[in-house]
Every structure is written in structure tokens, then in C-alpha cells.
Amino acid sequence: MENQNQKPQAHVEPLLFEDLHRKVKEIQPMIFDGIRLALSRPLSPHLHLSHSMTMGMMNSSYKFSANYMGTKQISPVESYPVLASEIQADGQMTANLIHLITPRLKGKVVASFARNQCTGSQASLDYKGENFTSTLTAANIDLIKNSGILVGHLLHQFTKRISIGPELVFQYGQQDKTVRTISQLSLGGRYNADNYLVDATLSLGGAHVSYHQKANENLQFGAELMTDRTIGQSNAGFYYQYELTKAHTVFRGSLDTAWNVGAVLEKRFFPLPVVLSMSAVLNHPKNSTTVGLGLTVG
């Protein structure tokens, strides 16, 4: 007889293929150089405006962003549709649209413009089933030049710990009045344990493997290995994040096989909406150092 006191297993949401390796990316320090200032102001519960200015040794930039979140609220931090736009001082602009069409189907559109021309576009549909997810993406489709990129993803959740699925990339373009095509098949998956996970993406052209572990409530660390057979090169990195909750401070560090040692310290001056960021990276073989100081208000 089954134990009636046994608790049912919690349902685990199926994973999108694009979310593989995301846990490791989240704890990597975002290195920057020079001075960075970001100002954000909400005009309403749905509309936010922000200004971002960067002054570095190599270049300086200014960006203006406007974000709109619709009235279709799914959770306290998730509402649709989402409209996001960004314009730089040189006139380059990027626009994003995300909308939850049905509870299982989400659409995304991204377009970039420069010098009165569309320099890039991408549209995708994400479908989330009970134990699988699928994504279809079309990028830079040009009906006149007969070129573009199509990408299909499928990730099946076999158990609450194991998810595996394929990725198919199909690229076509016209050359000398002949349409040439290139396709590549990859296999991706995740093993999700209680306090760590392993993501892997494998193809004939290379491999990408990442590991993430949450040691406790304050400490996370991870590692990743990327191999490209076409150029015969491999890169590996180790990353960690330590959060001082009472001090409202987050420290992220990194070390890679190119002997780059990087770190970013973020200090939030609670209850004020102010975040101070300090960044530094040291390359031992080149004997070079880059430092940055940032301030975010809003």
C-alpha cells in the first residue's frame, strides 16, 4: 500500500532552450571601463524612462531608453505586452516587443535601425507545453535578396531533473543567382540536481558545457567550457557571486584561461534607489588593468 502521507512532487516548469547556460551567465561580472552613469525614472506604473552615459578610454556613448509594461499582469513582476526601445547618440535604435498571446504561447519581435535602414530583425514564438518547450525563430529575412536564418528549438523534460532536446539552424542566401543553404544540428540538455545543475550544448562544430551550484543563500559559483572545432580553440572560466544581504552588497568575480581576473562590486544604498558599481579586470600576460566606476539612480 502506498504511503498516503507522502507529499506529491512539485511540478517543475519546462525549460526553454535559450535558457541553457543562463544560470552561469547571471553570476558573471559585467566588466566595464571608465565612468558610467545611469538615471531611471518611472512616469507611471507602466512607463519608465532611463538615460545611460559612459565615458571610457576607448569610446564614450549615450543611450536613451523607454520601456512600457502593459496591463495584462501575470505575476507581481510580469506584465504584457512589453515595449522597449533604445536610441544612441549616433542615431542607432533598437525596438523590442514581447507579448503573451495565450497562457502557453509568447511572441517576441526585435528590430534594429541605423541611417534610416533596418540593420537587423528577428521574430520568434515560444510554446510551453506540460513537459516540453518549442521555439521557432526567423532572423534577417530578406524576400528581395532571398536570404535569412531559421532556427528551431525543442526541449523535452523527461524527468524533473533531466531535459534534452535538439536545435536546428538553417541559413540560406543567394549567390551568383544560386540559393545556397547551410544547416547545423545541435543537441542540448540540462541535469538539475537539488543544489546544482549542469547544462550542455553539443554539435559537430563544438561544445558548450556549464556548471552552476548554489552553496548557500549567499554564495553561488559556476564554471563553463567552450570549444570551437572550426578554429581549434577552447576557453574556460570560473565565476562566483557572494551576496552580503545585510550590507546590500553583491560581489562577483571571474578567472578564465586567458588569465583575465575580473571583479565587480555593487553596493545599494538602501532605502535610496542608488547603486554604486566598481569594476576591475587584470590580464597577467599583457600586464594590463582596466577599472570602472558606475552610479545608477532610480
Protein backbone atom coordinates (compact mmCIF):
# COMPACT_ATOMS: atom_id res chain seq x y z
CA MET A 1 0.00 0.00 0.00
CA GLU A 2 1.31 3.42 -0.92
CA ASN A 3 2.19 5.81 1.83
CA GLN A 4 -0.67 8.30 1.94
CA ASN A 5 1.46 10.74 3.94
CA GLN A 6 3.96 11.02 1.09
CA LYS A 7 3.94 14.52 -0.36
CA PRO A 8 3.40 14.83 -4.11
CA GLN A 9 6.39 16.06 -6.10
CA ALA A 10 6.28 19.71 -7.02
CA HIS A 11 5.75 20.42 -10.69
CA VAL A 12 8.85 21.77 -12.42
CA GLU A 13 8.23 24.22 -15.26
CA PRO A 14 9.74 23.06 -18.58
CA LEU A 15 12.82 24.95 -19.69
CA LEU A 16 13.32 26.98 -22.85
CA PHE A 17 16.33 26.03 -24.97
CA GLU A 18 17.62 29.62 -24.82
CA ASP A 19 17.71 29.40 -21.01
CA LEU A 20 20.50 26.80 -21.09
CA HIS A 21 23.69 28.23 -19.51
CA ARG A 22 21.73 31.24 -18.22
CA LYS A 23 22.41 30.47 -14.54
CA VAL A 24 26.16 30.75 -15.10
CA LYS A 25 25.74 33.93 -17.15
CA GLU A 26 23.79 35.56 -14.31
CA ILE A 27 26.68 35.33 -11.84
CA GLN A 28 29.37 36.51 -14.26
CA PRO A 29 30.68 40.02 -13.52
CA MET A 30 29.70 42.60 -16.13
CA ILE A 31 33.07 44.25 -16.65
CA PHE A 32 33.13 47.87 -17.82
CA ASP A 33 35.75 50.62 -18.00
CA GLY A 34 35.69 54.35 -17.38
CA ILE A 35 32.78 56.22 -15.85
CA ARG A 36 29.19 55.05 -16.21
CA LEU A 37 26.07 56.93 -15.09
CA ALA A 38 22.50 55.63 -15.40
CA LEU A 39 19.38 57.57 -14.46
CA SER A 40 15.94 55.94 -14.43
CA ARG A 41 12.57 57.49 -13.69
CA PRO A 42 9.07 55.97 -13.76
CA LEU A 43 6.49 58.29 -15.31
CA SER A 44 3.69 55.89 -14.39
CA PRO A 45 3.32 52.30 -13.15
CA HIS A 46 3.63 51.20 -16.78
CA LEU A 47 6.12 53.64 -18.37
CA HIS A 48 9.80 54.00 -17.42
CA LEU A 49 12.43 56.28 -18.96
CA SER A 50 16.18 55.99 -18.49
CA HIS A 51 19.38 57.72 -19.55
CA SER A 52 22.77 55.99 -19.69
CA MET A 53 26.12 57.72 -20.24
CA THR A 54 29.55 56.08 -20.50
CA MET A 55 32.94 57.78 -20.68
CA GLY A 56 35.85 55.41 -21.28
CA MET A 57 39.40 55.34 -22.57
CA MET A 58 38.37 53.87 -25.92
CA ASN A 59 34.94 55.40 -26.54
CA SER A 60 32.06 57.29 -24.98
CA SER A 61 28.35 56.77 -25.54
CA TYR A 62 24.89 57.96 -24.58
CA LYS A 63 21.69 55.91 -24.65
CA PHE A 64 18.06 56.83 -24.05
CA SER A 65 15.59 54.06 -23.24
CA ALA A 66 11.82 53.93 -22.89
CA ASN A 67 10.05 50.84 -21.53
CA TYR A 68 6.31 50.20 -21.39
CA MET A 69 4.68 47.32 -19.49
CA GLY A 70 1.04 46.61 -20.28
CA THR A 71 -1.93 45.94 -18.05
CA LYS A 72 -2.09 42.16 -18.58
CA GLN A 73 -0.46 41.16 -15.30
CA ILE A 74 0.72 37.55 -14.96
CA SER A 75 2.68 37.94 -11.72
CA PRO A 76 3.78 40.82 -9.46
CA VAL A 77 6.84 41.34 -11.70
CA GLU A 78 5.48 40.22 -15.07
CA SER A 79 3.03 42.14 -17.27
CA TYR A 80 2.30 42.16 -21.00
CA PRO A 81 2.68 43.50 -23.60
CA VAL A 82 6.23 44.78 -23.12
CA LEU A 83 7.54 47.52 -25.41
CA ALA A 84 11.20 48.51 -25.05
CA SER A 85 13.18 50.92 -27.20
CA GLU A 86 16.71 52.28 -27.06
CA ILE A 87 18.36 55.02 -29.13
CA GLN A 88 22.02 56.01 -29.12
CA ALA A 89 23.66 59.36 -29.78
CA ASP A 90 24.67 58.30 -33.31
CA GLY A 91 21.05 57.53 -34.22
CA GLN A 92 21.13 53.74 -33.90
CA MET A 93 17.87 52.44 -32.47
CA THR A 94 16.64 49.07 -31.21
CA ALA A 95 12.99 48.20 -30.57
CA ASN A 96 11.59 45.14 -28.76
CA LEU A 97 8.06 43.80 -28.45
CA ILE A 98 7.12 40.89 -26.17
CA HIS A 99 3.53 39.71 -25.76
CA LEU A 100 1.88 36.72 -24.11
CA ILE A 101 -0.57 35.70 -26.83
CA THR A 102 -2.04 32.80 -24.84
CA PRO A 103 -1.05 31.30 -21.47
CA ARG A 104 1.24 28.92 -23.41
CA LEU A 105 2.30 31.00 -26.43
CA LYS A 106 4.63 34.01 -26.27
CA GLY A 107 5.74 36.17 -29.20
CA LYS A 108 8.88 38.31 -29.48
CA VAL A 109 9.96 40.82 -32.13
CA VAL A 110 13.29 42.69 -32.23
CA ALA A 111 14.42 45.21 -34.86
CA SER A 112 17.48 47.45 -35.21
CA PHE A 113 17.74 50.62 -37.29
CA ALA A 114 20.64 52.82 -38.40
CA ARG A 115 20.88 55.54 -41.05
CA ASN A 116 17.21 55.19 -41.99
CA GLN A 117 17.65 51.46 -42.69
CA CYS A 118 16.72 48.28 -40.88
CA THR A 119 20.05 46.63 -40.00
CA GLY A 120 18.59 43.55 -38.30
CA SER A 121 15.32 41.89 -37.37
CA GLN A 122 14.17 38.82 -35.51
CA ALA A 123 10.79 37.30 -34.66
CA SER A 124 10.16 34.24 -32.51
CA LEU A 125 7.35 32.21 -30.98
CA ASP A 126 7.76 30.27 -27.73
CA TYR A 127 5.32 27.49 -26.90
CA LYS A 128 5.32 25.90 -23.45
CA GLY A 129 3.62 22.53 -23.00
CA GLU A 130 3.18 20.38 -19.92
CA ASN A 131 6.62 18.76 -20.21
CA PHE A 132 8.28 20.41 -23.23
CA THR A 133 9.01 23.75 -24.85
CA SER A 134 9.46 24.65 -28.50
CA THR A 135 10.68 27.81 -30.21
CA LEU A 136 10.65 28.93 -33.83
CA THR A 137 12.80 31.94 -34.76
CA ALA A 138 13.20 33.81 -38.05
CA ALA A 139 16.05 36.33 -38.32
CA ASN A 140 17.02 38.84 -41.02
CA ILE A 141 14.51 37.51 -43.56
CA ASP A 142 15.00 39.39 -46.86
CA LEU A 143 12.44 38.50 -49.53
CA ILE A 144 14.23 40.56 -52.19
CA LYS A 145 17.70 39.08 -51.67
CA ASN A 146 16.20 35.68 -50.82
CA SER A 147 18.21 35.27 -47.61
CA GLY A 148 17.61 34.68 -43.94
CA ILE A 149 18.07 32.43 -40.92
CA LEU A 150 15.56 29.98 -39.42
CA VAL A 151 16.10 28.36 -36.03
CA GLY A 152 14.01 25.67 -34.36
CA HIS A 153 14.29 24.51 -30.74
CA LEU A 154 12.67 21.64 -28.86
CA LEU A 155 13.46 20.77 -25.24
CA HIS A 156 11.68 17.83 -23.61
CA GLN A 157 11.53 17.35 -19.86
CA PHE A 158 11.90 13.59 -19.39
CA THR A 159 12.05 13.81 -15.58
CA LYS A 160 12.10 16.67 -13.10
CA ARG A 161 15.91 16.53 -13.32
CA ILE A 162 16.65 15.76 -16.99
CA SER A 163 15.72 17.84 -20.06
CA ILE A 164 17.09 17.09 -23.55
CA GLY A 165 16.28 18.44 -27.00
CA PRO A 166 17.62 19.41 -30.44
CA GLU A 167 18.39 22.73 -32.09
CA LEU A 168 18.30 23.13 -35.88
CA VAL A 169 19.80 26.21 -37.56
CA PHE A 170 19.05 26.73 -41.26
CA GLN A 171 20.66 29.61 -43.16
CA TYR A 172 20.06 30.42 -46.81
CA GLY A 173 21.25 33.11 -49.20
CA GLN A 174 21.50 33.83 -52.90
CA GLN A 175 24.96 33.91 -54.51
CA ASP A 176 25.60 34.05 -58.27
CA LYS A 177 21.88 33.50 -58.92
CA THR A 178 22.05 30.29 -56.90
CA VAL A 179 20.47 29.80 -53.49
CA ARG A 180 23.00 28.27 -51.10
CA THR A 181 21.98 26.73 -47.79
CA ILE A 182 23.81 25.86 -44.58
CA SER A 183 22.32 23.81 -41.76
CA GLN A 184 23.59 22.71 -38.36
CA LEU A 185 22.08 20.35 -35.82
CA SER A 186 22.88 20.63 -32.12
CA LEU A 187 21.80 18.76 -29.02
CA GLY A 188 21.25 20.50 -25.71
CA GLY A 189 20.24 19.41 -22.25
CA ARG A 190 20.23 20.05 -18.53
CA TYR A 191 20.69 17.92 -15.44
CA ASN A 192 19.09 19.68 -12.47
CA ALA A 193 20.02 18.39 -9.01
CA ASP A 194 18.91 19.77 -5.65
CA ASN A 195 21.61 22.44 -5.34
CA TYR A 196 23.47 22.34 -8.66
CA LEU A 197 22.84 21.97 -12.37
CA VAL A 198 24.80 21.06 -15.49
CA ASP A 199 23.96 22.43 -18.95
CA ALA A 200 25.47 21.17 -22.20
CA THR A 201 25.17 22.03 -25.88
CA LEU A 202 26.90 19.72 -28.36
CA SER A 203 27.32 19.93 -32.14
CA LEU A 204 29.79 18.91 -34.83
CA GLY A 205 31.29 22.40 -34.64
CA GLY A 206 31.99 22.39 -30.91
CA ALA A 207 30.63 22.11 -27.40
CA HIS A 208 29.49 24.34 -24.55
CA VAL A 209 29.28 22.91 -21.02
CA SER A 210 28.44 24.90 -17.88
CA TYR A 211 28.09 24.08 -14.18
CA HIS A 212 26.28 26.14 -11.55
CA GLN A 213 25.95 25.49 -7.83
CA LYS A 214 24.30 27.40 -5.03
CA ALA A 215 26.44 26.67 -1.97
CA ASN A 216 24.19 28.60 0.42
CA GLU A 217 21.89 31.61 0.48
CA ASN A 218 24.81 33.99 -0.07
CA LEU A 219 27.32 32.11 -2.23
CA GLN A 220 26.97 30.87 -5.82
CA PHE A 221 29.68 29.71 -8.17
CA GLY A 222 29.96 28.20 -11.62
CA ALA A 223 32.26 27.20 -14.44
CA GLU A 224 31.95 26.82 -18.19
CA LEU A 225 33.93 25.34 -21.06
CA MET A 226 33.50 26.38 -24.70
CA THR A 227 35.18 24.56 -27.60
CA ASP A 228 35.12 25.59 -31.27
CA ARG A 229 36.45 22.94 -33.66
CA THR A 230 36.34 25.26 -36.69
CA ILE A 231 39.10 27.48 -35.29
CA GLY A 232 40.64 24.89 -32.97
CA GLN A 233 40.21 26.94 -29.82
CA SER A 234 38.85 26.30 -26.32
CA ASN A 235 38.07 28.69 -23.48
CA ALA A 236 37.16 28.03 -19.87
CA GLY A 237 36.15 30.25 -16.99
CA PHE A 238 35.33 30.12 -13.28
CA TYR A 239 32.85 32.56 -11.71
CA TYR A 240 31.40 33.23 -8.29
CA GLN A 241 28.95 35.57 -6.60
CA TYR A 242 28.83 36.43 -2.92
CA GLU A 243 25.97 38.49 -1.51
CA LEU A 244 26.17 40.40 1.75
CA THR A 245 22.45 40.68 2.42
CA LYS A 246 22.58 42.96 5.46
CA ALA A 247 25.08 45.26 3.76
CA HIS A 248 23.08 45.31 0.48
CA THR A 249 26.28 44.42 -1.38
CA VAL A 250 26.97 41.90 -4.16
CA PHE A 251 30.46 40.84 -5.23
CA ARG A 252 31.12 38.92 -8.46
CA GLY A 253 34.48 37.55 -9.59
CA SER A 254 35.88 35.66 -12.58
CA LEU A 255 39.02 33.88 -13.81
CA ASP A 256 39.44 32.48 -17.33
CA THR A 257 42.06 30.59 -19.33
CA ALA A 258 43.30 33.84 -20.91
CA TRP A 259 44.44 34.80 -17.38
CA ASN A 260 41.88 37.56 -17.05
CA VAL A 261 40.98 38.17 -13.40
CA GLY A 262 37.87 40.32 -13.11
CA ALA A 263 35.62 41.59 -10.32
CA VAL A 264 32.57 43.82 -9.90
CA LEU A 265 31.30 45.19 -6.58
CA GLU A 266 27.75 46.56 -6.36
CA LYS A 267 26.64 48.49 -3.28
CA ARG A 268 22.98 49.51 -2.86
CA PHE A 269 22.36 52.45 -0.54
CA PHE A 270 19.03 51.21 0.83
CA PRO A 271 16.41 52.71 1.12
CA LEU A 272 17.63 55.18 -1.51
CA PRO A 273 17.33 54.00 -5.15
CA VAL A 274 21.10 54.35 -5.64
CA VAL A 275 23.60 51.65 -6.65
CA LEU A 276 27.37 52.21 -6.75
CA SER A 277 29.36 49.84 -9.01
CA MET A 278 33.12 49.32 -9.11
CA SER A 279 34.73 47.18 -11.81
CA ALA A 280 38.28 45.97 -12.43
CA VAL A 281 39.98 43.40 -14.66
CA LEU A 282 43.65 42.39 -14.74
CA ASN A 283 45.32 40.48 -17.58
CA HIS A 284 48.57 38.95 -16.33
CA PRO A 285 50.29 38.06 -19.66
CA LYS A 286 49.58 41.53 -21.13
CA ASN A 287 50.21 43.28 -17.80
CA SER A 288 47.15 45.47 -18.41
CA THR A 289 44.50 46.71 -16.00
CA THR A 290 41.08 48.22 -16.66
CA VAL A 291 38.94 49.87 -13.98
CA GLY A 292 35.46 51.35 -14.00
CA LEU A 293 33.16 53.29 -11.69
CA GLY A 294 29.40 53.39 -12.14
CA LEU A 295 26.41 55.02 -10.47
CA THR A 296 22.79 54.00 -11.02
CA VAL A 297 19.94 56.17 -9.74
CA GLY A 298 16.34 55.02 -9.97
